[in-house]
Amino acid sequence: MIPFSLLNSVCTIQKMARTFGATSGEPIETWTNAAVNVKCRLDEANGQEIRTANNVYVKASHVLFMQADTGGIALNEKDNRIKIGATVFNILLVKDAGGAGHHKELLLERIF
């Protein structure tokens, strides 16, 4: 478990829902809050480059640390994103950073 003194911020975990437009049939993505006030720590990633599951190289702008227990939410890159204040981040990678479920490390890309 990460000492709470290191978790100096709170974030919102958002979940995506897909619906289809009635007339166009195009997919429409909407985001709802799945968990709020989740203790975390956000740091810059200095452009860390990673390879995603789709074999695409992306550059992470930030790294986020949080407790391993996310209230039953199975975080993943496709269905979740992180919001801190008014700033929103796509999740590029979710890692069990400390091993054995100690804490999660998320590589993020800021959405402008």
PDB file of N, CA and C in Angstrom:
ATOM      1  N   MET A   1       0.847  -1.179   0.000  1.00  0.00           N
ATOM      2  CA  MET A   1       0.000   0.000   0.000  1.00  0.00           C
ATOM      3  C   MET A   1       0.891   1.241   0.000  1.00  0.00           C
ATOM      4  N   ILE A   2       0.523   2.216  -0.793  1.00  0.00           N
ATOM      5  CA  ILE A   2       1.278   3.468  -0.870  1.00  0.00           C
ATOM      6  C   ILE A   2       0.918   4.322   0.340  1.00  0.00           C
ATOM      7  N   PRO A   3       1.909   4.901   1.037  1.00  0.00           N
ATOM      8  CA  PRO A   3       1.572   5.804   2.135  1.00  0.00           C
ATOM      9  C   PRO A   3       0.716   6.961   1.612  1.00  0.00           C
ATOM     10  N   PHE A   4      -0.353   7.281   2.339  1.00  0.00           N
ATOM     11  CA  PHE A   4      -1.271   8.318   1.895  1.00  0.00           C
ATOM     12  C   PHE A   4      -0.587   9.670   1.708  1.00  0.00           C
ATOM     13  N   SER A   5       0.528   9.905   2.393  1.00  0.00           N
ATOM     14  CA  SER A   5       1.218  11.184   2.234  1.00  0.00           C
ATOM     15  C   SER A   5       1.786  11.348   0.822  1.00  0.00           C
ATOM     16  N   LEU A   6       2.062  10.238   0.124  1.00  0.00           N
ATOM     17  CA  LEU A   6       2.567  10.314  -1.238  1.00  0.00           C
ATOM     18  C   LEU A   6       1.446  10.552  -2.249  1.00  0.00           C
ATOM     19  N   LEU A   7       0.227  10.200  -1.882  1.00  0.00           N
ATOM     20  CA  LEU A   7      -0.918  10.410  -2.762  1.00  0.00           C
ATOM     21  C   LEU A   7      -1.467  11.801  -2.473  1.00  0.00           C
ATOM     22  N   ASN A   8      -0.976  12.784  -3.215  1.00  0.00           N
ATOM     23  CA  ASN A   8      -1.226  14.181  -2.884  1.00  0.00           C
ATOM     24  C   ASN A   8      -2.334  14.832  -3.712  1.00  0.00           C
ATOM     25  N   SER A   9      -3.112  14.029  -4.433  1.00  0.00           N
ATOM     26  CA  SER A   9      -4.173  14.572  -5.270  1.00  0.00           C
ATOM     27  C   SER A   9      -5.345  13.595  -5.288  1.00  0.00           C
ATOM     28  N   VAL A  10      -6.420  13.999  -5.929  1.00  0.00           N
ATOM     29  CA  VAL A  10      -7.555  13.098  -6.145  1.00  0.00           C
ATOM     30  C   VAL A  10      -7.941  13.161  -7.621  1.00  0.00           C
ATOM     31  N   CYS A  11      -8.455  12.054  -8.116  1.00  0.00           N
ATOM     32  CA  CYS A  11      -8.879  11.998  -9.510  1.00  0.00           C
ATOM     33  C   CYS A  11     -10.242  11.341  -9.614  1.00  0.00           C
ATOM     34  N   THR A  12     -10.814  11.455 -10.793  1.00  0.00           N
ATOM     35  CA  THR A  12     -12.062  10.788 -11.123  1.00  0.00           C
ATOM     36  C   THR A  12     -11.762   9.768 -12.205  1.00  0.00           C
ATOM     37  N   ILE A  13     -12.225   8.548 -12.012  1.00  0.00           N
ATOM     38  CA  ILE A  13     -12.115   7.519 -13.035  1.00  0.00           C
ATOM     39  C   ILE A  13     -13.411   7.550 -13.825  1.00  0.00           C
ATOM     40  N   GLN A  14     -13.301   7.742 -15.127  1.00  0.00           N
ATOM     41  CA  GLN A  14     -14.490   7.793 -15.962  1.00  0.00           C
ATOM     42  C   GLN A  14     -14.577   6.538 -16.825  1.00  0.00           C
ATOM     43  N   LYS A  15     -15.826   6.129 -17.106  1.00  0.00           N
ATOM     44  CA  LYS A  15     -16.088   4.943 -17.917  1.00  0.00           C
ATOM     45  C   LYS A  15     -16.839   5.357 -19.173  1.00  0.00           C
ATOM     46  N   MET A  16     -16.464   4.762 -20.301  1.00  0.00           N
ATOM     47  CA  MET A  16     -17.097   5.095 -21.574  1.00  0.00           C
ATOM     48  C   MET A  16     -18.297   4.195 -21.841  1.00  0.00           C
ATOM     49  N   ALA A  17     -19.339   4.811 -22.380  1.00  0.00           N
ATOM     50  CA  ALA A  17     -20.498   4.071 -22.868  1.00  0.00           C
ATOM     51  C   ALA A  17     -20.638   4.411 -24.350  1.00  0.00           C
ATOM     52  N   ARG A  18     -20.902   3.397 -25.162  1.00  0.00           N
ATOM     53  CA  ARG A  18     -21.088   3.617 -26.604  1.00  0.00           C
ATOM     54  C   ARG A  18     -22.552   3.412 -26.956  1.00  0.00           C
ATOM     55  N   THR A  19     -23.092   4.377 -27.664  1.00  0.00           N
ATOM     56  CA  THR A  19     -24.427   4.240 -28.218  1.00  0.00           C
ATOM     57  C   THR A  19     -24.305   4.561 -29.711  1.00  0.00           C
ATOM     58  N   PHE A  20     -25.374   4.352 -30.428  1.00  0.00           N
ATOM     59  CA  PHE A  20     -25.348   4.621 -31.857  1.00  0.00           C
ATOM     60  C   PHE A  20     -26.402   5.652 -32.201  1.00  0.00           C
ATOM     61  N   GLY A  21     -26.025   6.606 -33.038  1.00  0.00           N
ATOM     62  CA  GLY A  21     -26.928   7.666 -33.449  1.00  0.00           C
ATOM     63  C   GLY A  21     -28.161   7.096 -34.140  1.00  0.00           C
ATOM     64  N   ALA A  22     -29.338   7.641 -33.792  1.00  0.00           N
ATOM     65  CA  ALA A  22     -30.592   7.133 -34.330  1.00  0.00           C
ATOM     66  C   ALA A  22     -30.676   7.281 -35.842  1.00  0.00           C
ATOM     67  N   THR A  23     -30.178   8.381 -36.361  1.00  0.00           N
ATOM     68  CA  THR A  23     -30.289   8.598 -37.804  1.00  0.00           C
ATOM     69  C   THR A  23     -29.029   8.214 -38.552  1.00  0.00           C
ATOM     70  N   SER A  24     -27.869   8.473 -37.973  1.00  0.00           N
ATOM     71  CA  SER A  24     -26.616   8.205 -38.691  1.00  0.00           C
ATOM     72  C   SER A  24     -26.099   6.792 -38.470  1.00  0.00           C
ATOM     73  N   GLY A  25     -26.436   6.193 -37.343  1.00  0.00           N
ATOM     74  CA  GLY A  25     -25.894   4.884 -37.006  1.00  0.00           C
ATOM     75  C   GLY A  25     -24.447   4.924 -36.565  1.00  0.00           C
ATOM     76  N   GLU A  26     -23.881   6.132 -36.494  1.00  0.00           N
ATOM     77  CA  GLU A  26     -22.493   6.309 -36.070  1.00  0.00           C
ATOM     78  C   GLU A  26     -22.385   6.104 -34.556  1.00  0.00           C
ATOM     79  N   PRO A  27     -21.257   5.520 -34.096  1.00  0.00           N
ATOM     80  CA  PRO A  27     -21.080   5.362 -32.655  1.00  0.00           C
ATOM     81  C   PRO A  27     -20.889   6.716 -31.960  1.00  0.00           C
ATOM     82  N   ILE A  28     -21.503   6.858 -30.811  1.00  0.00           N
ATOM     83  CA  ILE A  28     -21.390   8.066 -29.995  1.00  0.00           C
ATOM     84  C   ILE A  28     -20.820   7.640 -28.648  1.00  0.00           C
ATOM     85  N   GLU A  29     -19.711   8.267 -28.241  1.00  0.00           N
ATOM     86  CA  GLU A  29     -19.079   7.952 -26.961  1.00  0.00           C
ATOM     87  C   GLU A  29     -19.492   8.980 -25.917  1.00  0.00           C
ATOM     88  N   THR A  30     -19.945   8.491 -24.784  1.00  0.00           N
ATOM     89  CA  THR A  30     -20.245   9.365 -23.651  1.00  0.00           C
ATOM     90  C   THR A  30     -19.469   8.850 -22.452  1.00  0.00           C
ATOM     91  N   TRP A  31     -19.109   9.767 -21.561  1.00  0.00           N
ATOM     92  CA  TRP A  31     -18.305   9.411 -20.390  1.00  0.00           C
ATOM     93  C   TRP A  31     -19.082   9.705 -19.120  1.00  0.00           C
ATOM     94  N   THR A  32     -19.067   8.747 -18.190  1.00  0.00           N
ATOM     95  CA  THR A  32     -19.700   8.934 -16.886  1.00  0.00           C
ATOM     96  C   THR A  32     -18.674   8.658 -15.800  1.00  0.00           C
ATOM     97  N   ASN A  33     -18.886   9.245 -14.633  1.00  0.00           N
ATOM     98  CA  ASN A  33     -17.974   9.038 -13.509  1.00  0.00           C
ATOM     99  C   ASN A  33     -18.220   7.670 -12.885  1.00  0.00           C
ATOM    100  N   ALA A  34     -17.180   6.849 -12.870  1.00  0.00           N
ATOM    101  CA  ALA A  34     -17.259   5.530 -12.257  1.00  0.00           C
ATOM    102  C   ALA A  34     -16.792   5.569 -10.802  1.00  0.00           C
ATOM    103  N   ALA A  35     -15.831   6.447 -10.497  1.00  0.00           N
ATOM    104  CA  ALA A  35     -15.327   6.625  -9.134  1.00  0.00           C
ATOM    105  C   ALA A  35     -14.799   8.046  -9.014  1.00  0.00           C
ATOM    106  N   VAL A  36     -15.134   8.694  -7.903  1.00  0.00           N
ATOM    107  CA  VAL A  36     -14.679  10.066  -7.679  1.00  0.00           C
ATOM    108  C   VAL A  36     -13.831  10.130  -6.422  1.00  0.00           C
ATOM    109  N   ASN A  37     -13.020  11.174  -6.332  1.00  0.00           N
ATOM    110  CA  ASN A  37     -12.146  11.399  -5.169  1.00  0.00           C
ATOM    111  C   ASN A  37     -11.224  10.217  -4.872  1.00  0.00           C
ATOM    112  N   VAL A  38     -10.675   9.637  -5.930  1.00  0.00           N
ATOM    113  CA  VAL A  38      -9.726   8.537  -5.784  1.00  0.00           C
ATOM    114  C   VAL A  38      -8.351   9.146  -5.499  1.00  0.00           C
ATOM    115  N   LYS A  39      -7.747   8.783  -4.379  1.00  0.00           N
ATOM    116  CA  LYS A  39      -6.428   9.303  -4.019  1.00  0.00           C
ATOM    117  C   LYS A  39      -5.397   8.848  -5.035  1.00  0.00           C
ATOM    118  N   CYS A  40      -4.548   9.797  -5.462  1.00  0.00           N
ATOM    119  CA  CYS A  40      -3.572   9.482  -6.496  1.00  0.00           C
ATOM    120  C   CYS A  40      -2.396  10.446  -6.415  1.00  0.00           C
ATOM    121  N   ARG A  41      -1.423  10.202  -7.277  1.00  0.00           N
ATOM    122  CA  ARG A  41      -0.284  11.102  -7.442  1.00  0.00           C
ATOM    123  C   ARG A  41       0.000  11.192  -8.933  1.00  0.00           C
ATOM    124  N   LEU A  42       0.055  12.406  -9.451  1.00  0.00           N
ATOM    125  CA  LEU A  42       0.295  12.639 -10.870  1.00  0.00           C
ATOM    126  C   LEU A  42       1.671  13.271 -11.048  1.00  0.00           C
ATOM    127  N   ASP A  43       2.476  12.689 -11.936  1.00  0.00           N
ATOM    128  CA  ASP A  43       3.794  13.230 -12.258  1.00  0.00           C
ATOM    129  C   ASP A  43       3.940  13.290 -13.777  1.00  0.00           C
ATOM    130  N   GLU A  44       4.823  14.162 -14.255  1.00  0.00           N
ATOM    131  CA  GLU A  44       5.115  14.211 -15.680  1.00  0.00           C
ATOM    132  C   GLU A  44       5.943  12.997 -16.065  1.00  0.00           C
ATOM    133  N   ALA A  45       5.724  12.504 -17.283  1.00  0.00           N
ATOM    134  CA  ALA A  45       6.432  11.308 -17.747  1.00  0.00           C
ATOM    135  C   ALA A  45       7.588  11.642 -18.671  1.00  0.00           C
ATOM    136  N   ASN A  46       7.775  12.914 -18.990  1.00  0.00           N
ATOM    137  CA  ASN A  46       8.881  13.342 -19.862  1.00  0.00           C
ATOM    138  C   ASN A  46       8.880  12.616 -21.206  1.00  0.00           C
ATOM    139  N   GLY A  47       7.690  12.426 -21.776  1.00  0.00           N
ATOM    140  CA  GLY A  47       7.599  11.839 -23.106  1.00  0.00           C
ATOM    141  C   GLY A  47       8.007  10.388 -23.181  1.00  0.00           C
ATOM    142  N   GLN A  48       7.776   9.620 -22.135  1.00  0.00           N
ATOM    143  CA  GLN A  48       8.132   8.205 -22.125  1.00  0.00           C
ATOM    144  C   GLN A  48       7.386   7.488 -23.252  1.00  0.00           C
ATOM    145  N   GLU A  49       8.116   6.795 -24.100  1.00  0.00           N
ATOM    146  CA  GLU A  49       7.510   6.117 -25.241  1.00  0.00           C
ATOM    147  C   GLU A  49       7.207   4.676 -24.872  1.00  0.00           C
ATOM    148  N   ILE A  50       5.982   4.227 -25.192  1.00  0.00           N
ATOM    149  CA  ILE A  50       5.586   2.853 -24.902  1.00  0.00           C
ATOM    150  C   ILE A  50       4.923   2.251 -26.133  1.00  0.00           C
ATOM    151  N   ARG A  51       4.865   0.955 -26.144  1.00  0.00           N
ATOM    152  CA  ARG A  51       4.195   0.227 -27.219  1.00  0.00           C
ATOM    153  C   ARG A  51       2.880  -0.301 -26.667  1.00  0.00           C
ATOM    154  N   THR A  52       1.768   0.050 -27.295  1.00  0.00           N
ATOM    155  CA  THR A  52       0.451  -0.351 -26.816  1.00  0.00           C
ATOM    156  C   THR A  52       0.129  -1.766 -27.283  1.00  0.00           C
ATOM    157  N   ALA A  53      -1.022  -2.276 -26.842  1.00  0.00           N
ATOM    158  CA  ALA A  53      -1.470  -3.612 -27.224  1.00  0.00           C
ATOM    159  C   ALA A  53      -1.673  -3.733 -28.731  1.00  0.00           C
ATOM    160  N   ASN A  54      -1.925  -2.613 -29.404  1.00  0.00           N
ATOM    161  CA  ASN A  54      -2.125  -2.615 -30.851  1.00  0.00           C
ATOM    162  C   ASN A  54      -0.815  -2.412 -31.607  1.00  0.00           C
ATOM    163  N   ASN A  55       0.319  -2.563 -30.911  1.00  0.00           N
ATOM    164  CA  ASN A  55       1.649  -2.378 -31.496  1.00  0.00           C
ATOM    165  C   ASN A  55       1.864  -0.980 -32.064  1.00  0.00           C
ATOM    166  N   VAL A  56       1.277  -0.003 -31.408  1.00  0.00           N
ATOM    167  CA  VAL A  56       1.451   1.390 -31.790  1.00  0.00           C
ATOM    168  C   VAL A  56       2.329   2.044 -30.729  1.00  0.00           C
ATOM    169  N   TYR A  57       3.310   2.816 -31.156  1.00  0.00           N
ATOM    170  CA  TYR A  57       4.145   3.534 -30.207  1.00  0.00           C
ATOM    171  C   TYR A  57       3.502   4.874 -29.888  1.00  0.00           C
ATOM    172  N   VAL A  58       3.369   5.163 -28.600  1.00  0.00           N
ATOM    173  CA  VAL A  58       2.791   6.429 -28.158  1.00  0.00           C
ATOM    174  C   VAL A  58       3.699   7.028 -27.091  1.00  0.00           C
ATOM    175  N   LYS A  59       3.585   8.319 -26.907  1.00  0.00           N
ATOM    176  CA  LYS A  59       4.366   8.991 -25.870  1.00  0.00           C
ATOM    177  C   LYS A  59       3.449   9.389 -24.733  1.00  0.00           C
ATOM    178  N   ALA A  60       3.793   8.924 -23.561  1.00  0.00           N
ATOM    179  CA  ALA A  60       3.030   9.268 -22.366  1.00  0.00           C
ATOM    180  C   ALA A  60       3.440  10.663 -21.902  1.00  0.00           C
ATOM    181  N   SER A  61       2.455  11.472 -21.531  1.00  0.00           N
ATOM    182  CA  SER A  61       2.768  12.797 -21.016  1.00  0.00           C
ATOM    183  C   SER A  61       2.848  12.798 -19.493  1.00  0.00           C
ATOM    184  N   HIS A  62       2.144  11.854 -18.852  1.00  0.00           N
ATOM    185  CA  HIS A  62       2.088  11.808 -17.389  1.00  0.00           C
ATOM    186  C   HIS A  62       2.039  10.364 -16.898  1.00  0.00           C
ATOM    187  N   VAL A  63       2.396  10.190 -15.654  1.00  0.00           N
ATOM    188  CA  VAL A  63       2.256   8.909 -14.981  1.00  0.00           C
ATOM    189  C   VAL A  63       1.444   9.160 -13.711  1.00  0.00           C
ATOM    190  N   LEU A  64       0.515   8.247 -13.420  1.00  0.00           N
ATOM    191  CA  LEU A  64      -0.371   8.389 -12.275  1.00  0.00           C
ATOM    192  C   LEU A  64      -0.229   7.154 -11.397  1.00  0.00           C
ATOM    193  N   PHE A  65      -0.087   7.373 -10.107  1.00  0.00           N
ATOM    194  CA  PHE A  65      -0.005   6.276  -9.138  1.00  0.00           C
ATOM    195  C   PHE A  65      -1.257   6.294  -8.285  1.00  0.00           C
ATOM    196  N   MET A  66      -1.777   5.115  -7.975  1.00  0.00           N
ATOM    197  CA  MET A  66      -2.942   4.998  -7.088  1.00  0.00           C
ATOM    198  C   MET A  66      -2.910   3.639  -6.400  1.00  0.00           C
ATOM    199  N   GLN A  67      -3.717   3.513  -5.368  1.00  0.00           N
ATOM    200  CA  GLN A  67      -3.818   2.236  -4.667  1.00  0.00           C
ATOM    201  C   GLN A  67      -4.271   1.155  -5.637  1.00  0.00           C
ATOM    202  N   ALA A  68      -3.938  -0.074  -5.367  1.00  0.00           N
ATOM    203  CA  ALA A  68      -4.335  -1.184  -6.234  1.00  0.00           C
ATOM    204  C   ALA A  68      -5.846  -1.377  -6.236  1.00  0.00           C
ATOM    205  N   ASP A  69      -6.475  -1.153  -5.094  1.00  0.00           N
ATOM    206  CA  ASP A  69      -7.928  -1.320  -4.993  1.00  0.00           C
ATOM    207  C   ASP A  69      -8.613  -0.072  -5.532  1.00  0.00           C
ATOM    208  N   THR A  70      -9.264  -0.203  -6.675  1.00  0.00           N
ATOM    209  CA  THR A  70      -9.951   0.930  -7.294  1.00  0.00           C
ATOM    210  C   THR A  70     -11.461   0.801  -7.133  1.00  0.00           C
ATOM    211  N   GLY A  71     -11.885   0.188  -6.050  1.00  0.00           N
ATOM    212  CA  GLY A  71     -13.317   0.079  -5.771  1.00  0.00           C
ATOM    213  C   GLY A  71     -14.050  -0.847  -6.721  1.00  0.00           C
ATOM    214  N   GLY A  72     -13.390  -1.884  -7.158  1.00  0.00           N
ATOM    215  CA  GLY A  72     -14.033  -2.853  -8.029  1.00  0.00           C
ATOM    216  C   GLY A  72     -14.021  -2.482  -9.505  1.00  0.00           C
ATOM    217  N   ILE A  73     -13.388  -1.380  -9.860  1.00  0.00           N
ATOM    218  CA  ILE A  73     -13.306  -0.966 -11.254  1.00  0.00           C
ATOM    219  C   ILE A  73     -12.081  -1.623 -11.884  1.00  0.00           C
ATOM    220  N   ALA A  74     -12.297  -2.366 -12.942  1.00  0.00           N
ATOM    221  CA  ALA A  74     -11.195  -2.991 -13.663  1.00  0.00           C
ATOM    222  C   ALA A  74     -10.701  -1.998 -14.702  1.00  0.00           C
ATOM    223  N   LEU A  75      -9.695  -1.214 -14.345  1.00  0.00           N
ATOM    224  CA  LEU A  75      -9.175  -0.188 -15.242  1.00  0.00           C
ATOM    225  C   LEU A  75      -8.576  -0.799 -16.498  1.00  0.00           C
ATOM    226  N   ASN A  76      -8.884  -0.204 -17.649  1.00  0.00           N
ATOM    227  CA  ASN A  76      -8.243  -0.620 -18.887  1.00  0.00           C
ATOM    228  C   ASN A  76      -8.148   0.564 -19.837  1.00  0.00           C
ATOM    229  N   GLU A  77      -7.371   0.372 -20.886  1.00  0.00           N
ATOM    230  CA  GLU A  77      -7.054   1.460 -21.807  1.00  0.00           C
ATOM    231  C   GLU A  77      -8.225   1.849 -22.709  1.00  0.00           C
ATOM    232  N   LYS A  78      -9.120   0.916 -22.992  1.00  0.00           N
ATOM    233  CA  LYS A  78     -10.196   1.196 -23.944  1.00  0.00           C
ATOM    234  C   LYS A  78     -11.416   1.841 -23.307  1.00  0.00           C
ATOM    235  N   ASP A  79     -11.738   1.464 -22.085  1.00  0.00           N
ATOM    236  CA  ASP A  79     -13.019   1.859 -21.499  1.00  0.00           C
ATOM    237  C   ASP A  79     -12.934   2.936 -20.432  1.00  0.00           C
ATOM    238  N   ASN A  80     -11.733   3.310 -20.027  1.00  0.00           N
ATOM    239  CA  ASN A  80     -11.600   4.267 -18.935  1.00  0.00           C
ATOM    240  C   ASN A  80     -10.711   5.438 -19.323  1.00  0.00           C
ATOM    241  N   ARG A  81     -10.878   6.532 -18.613  1.00  0.00           N
ATOM    242  CA  ARG A  81      -9.983   7.679 -18.691  1.00  0.00           C
ATOM    243  C   ARG A  81      -9.943   8.314 -17.314  1.00  0.00           C
ATOM    244  N   ILE A  82      -8.994   9.218 -17.116  1.00  0.00           N
ATOM    245  CA  ILE A  82      -8.776   9.865 -15.824  1.00  0.00           C
ATOM    246  C   ILE A  82      -9.031  11.353 -15.975  1.00  0.00           C
ATOM    247  N   LYS A  83      -9.676  11.926 -14.964  1.00  0.00           N
ATOM    248  CA  LYS A  83      -9.925  13.363 -14.946  1.00  0.00           C
ATOM    249  C   LYS A  83      -9.427  13.917 -13.613  1.00  0.00           C
ATOM    250  N   ILE A  84      -8.608  14.965 -13.688  1.00  0.00           N
ATOM    251  CA  ILE A  84      -8.128  15.654 -12.494  1.00  0.00           C
ATOM    252  C   ILE A  84      -8.467  17.125 -12.690  1.00  0.00           C
ATOM    253  N   GLY A  85      -9.381  17.620 -11.881  1.00  0.00           N
ATOM    254  CA  GLY A  85      -9.889  18.973 -12.085  1.00  0.00           C
ATOM    255  C   GLY A  85     -10.577  19.028 -13.433  1.00  0.00           C
ATOM    256  N   ALA A  86     -10.157  19.965 -14.284  1.00  0.00           N
ATOM    257  CA  ALA A  86     -10.730  20.085 -15.628  1.00  0.00           C
ATOM    258  C   ALA A  86      -9.874  19.386 -16.675  1.00  0.00           C
ATOM    259  N   THR A  87      -8.770  18.774 -16.266  1.00  0.00           N
ATOM    260  CA  THR A  87      -7.848  18.132 -17.196  1.00  0.00           C
ATOM    261  C   THR A  87      -8.196  16.660 -17.349  1.00  0.00           C
ATOM    262  N   VAL A  88      -8.247  16.209 -18.602  1.00  0.00           N
ATOM    263  CA  VAL A  88      -8.637  14.829 -18.898  1.00  0.00           C
ATOM    264  C   VAL A  88      -7.457  14.113 -19.557  1.00  0.00           C
ATOM    265  N   PHE A  89      -7.275  12.841 -19.212  1.00  0.00           N
ATOM    266  CA  PHE A  89      -6.171  12.030 -19.713  1.00  0.00           C
ATOM    267  C   PHE A  89      -6.699  10.706 -20.254  1.00  0.00           C
ATOM    268  N   ASN A  90      -6.187  10.309 -21.413  1.00  0.00           N
ATOM    269  CA  ASN A  90      -6.413   8.951 -21.909  1.00  0.00           C
ATOM    270  C   ASN A  90      -5.452   8.031 -21.177  1.00  0.00           C
ATOM    271  N   ILE A  91      -5.894   6.822 -20.893  1.00  0.00           N
ATOM    272  CA  ILE A  91      -5.025   5.821 -20.285  1.00  0.00           C
ATOM    273  C   ILE A  91      -4.348   5.044 -21.409  1.00  0.00           C
ATOM    274  N   LEU A  92      -3.019   5.037 -21.411  1.00  0.00           N
ATOM    275  CA  LEU A  92      -2.250   4.307 -22.422  1.00  0.00           C
ATOM    276  C   LEU A  92      -1.873   2.917 -21.945  1.00  0.00           C
ATOM    277  N   LEU A  93      -1.608   2.785 -20.637  1.00  0.00           N
ATOM    278  CA  LEU A  93      -1.152   1.518 -20.085  1.00  0.00           C
ATOM    279  C   LEU A  93      -1.440   1.481 -18.595  1.00  0.00           C
ATOM    280  N   VAL A  94      -1.916   0.339 -18.112  1.00  0.00           N
ATOM    281  CA  VAL A  94      -2.151   0.122 -16.681  1.00  0.00           C
ATOM    282  C   VAL A  94      -1.195  -0.971 -16.228  1.00  0.00           C
ATOM    283  N   LYS A  95      -0.378  -0.678 -15.217  1.00  0.00           N
ATOM    284  CA  LYS A  95       0.604  -1.649 -14.726  1.00  0.00           C
ATOM    285  C   LYS A  95       0.378  -1.909 -13.230  1.00  0.00           C
ATOM    286  N   ASP A  96       0.647  -3.148 -12.831  1.00  0.00           N
ATOM    287  CA  ASP A  96       0.709  -3.512 -11.415  1.00  0.00           C
ATOM    288  C   ASP A  96       2.139  -3.212 -10.986  1.00  0.00           C
ATOM    289  N   ALA A  97       2.390  -1.943 -10.685  1.00  0.00           N
ATOM    290  CA  ALA A  97       3.753  -1.441 -10.546  1.00  0.00           C
ATOM    291  C   ALA A  97       4.533  -2.042  -9.386  1.00  0.00           C
ATOM    292  N   GLY A  98       3.905  -2.231  -8.258  1.00  0.00           N
ATOM    293  CA  GLY A  98       4.636  -2.719  -7.097  1.00  0.00           C
ATOM    294  C   GLY A  98       4.706  -4.227  -7.030  1.00  0.00           C
ATOM    295  N   GLY A  99       4.021  -4.896  -7.937  1.00  0.00           N
ATOM    296  CA  GLY A  99       3.970  -6.353  -7.901  1.00  0.00           C
ATOM    297  C   GLY A  99       3.020  -6.825  -6.821  1.00  0.00           C
ATOM    298  N   ALA A 100       2.412  -7.944  -7.035  1.00  0.00           N
ATOM    299  CA  ALA A 100       1.506  -8.576  -6.070  1.00  0.00           C
ATOM    300  C   ALA A 100       0.380  -7.646  -5.628  1.00  0.00           C
ATOM    301  N   GLY A 101      -0.098  -6.797  -6.538  1.00  0.00           N
ATOM    302  CA  GLY A 101      -1.240  -5.943  -6.228  1.00  0.00           C
ATOM    303  C   GLY A 101      -0.938  -4.816  -5.263  1.00  0.00           C
ATOM    304  N   HIS A 102       0.293  -4.348  -5.204  1.00  0.00           N
ATOM    305  CA  HIS A 102       0.676  -3.294  -4.269  1.00  0.00           C
ATOM    306  C   HIS A 102       0.060  -1.952  -4.640  1.00  0.00           C
ATOM    307  N   HIS A 103       0.273  -1.501  -5.887  1.00  0.00           N
ATOM    308  CA  HIS A 103      -0.323  -0.259  -6.373  1.00  0.00           C
ATOM    309  C   HIS A 103      -0.346  -0.256  -7.895  1.00  0.00           C
ATOM    310  N   LYS A 104      -1.140   0.621  -8.465  1.00  0.00           N
ATOM    311  CA  LYS A 104      -1.242   0.731  -9.919  1.00  0.00           C
ATOM    312  C   LYS A 104      -0.448   1.931 -10.412  1.00  0.00           C
ATOM    313  N   GLU A 105       0.160   1.751 -11.571  1.00  0.00           N
ATOM    314  CA  GLU A 105       0.849   2.832 -12.261  1.00  0.00           C
ATOM    315  C   GLU A 105       0.199   2.947 -13.637  1.00  0.00           C
ATOM    316  N   LEU A 106      -0.302   4.124 -13.959  1.00  0.00           N
ATOM    317  CA  LEU A 106      -0.967   4.346 -15.223  1.00  0.00           C
ATOM    318  C   LEU A 106      -0.160   5.335 -16.046  1.00  0.00           C
ATOM    319  N   LEU A 107       0.161   4.967 -17.269  1.00  0.00           N
ATOM    320  CA  LEU A 107       0.775   5.908 -18.185  1.00  0.00           C
ATOM    321  C   LEU A 107      -0.349   6.615 -18.933  1.00  0.00           C
ATOM    322  N   LEU A 108      -0.294   7.944 -18.932  1.00  0.00           N
ATOM    323  CA  LEU A 108      -1.392   8.748 -19.454  1.00  0.00           C
ATOM    324  C   LEU A 108      -0.946   9.670 -20.570  1.00  0.00           C
ATOM    325  N   GLU A 109      -1.925  10.070 -21.375  1.00  0.00           N
ATOM    326  CA  GLU A 109      -1.724  11.072 -22.417  1.00  0.00           C
ATOM    327  C   GLU A 109      -2.771  12.154 -22.190  1.00  0.00           C
ATOM    328  N   ARG A 110      -2.302  13.385 -21.996  1.00  0.00           N
ATOM    329  CA  ARG A 110      -3.228  14.486 -21.755  1.00  0.00           C
ATOM    330  C   ARG A 110      -4.016  14.807 -23.010  1.00  0.00           C
ATOM    331  N   ILE A 111      -5.328  14.994 -22.846  1.00  0.00           N
ATOM    332  CA  ILE A 111      -6.204  15.371 -23.944  1.00  0.00           C
ATOM    333  C   ILE A 111      -6.341  16.873 -23.943  1.00  0.00           C
ATOM    334  N   PHE A 112      -6.045  17.507 -25.065  1.00  0.00           N
ATOM    335  CA  PHE A 112      -6.156  18.967 -25.159  1.00  0.00           C
ATOM    336  C   PHE A 112      -7.428  19.337 -25.892  1.00  0.00           C
TER     337      PHE A 112
END
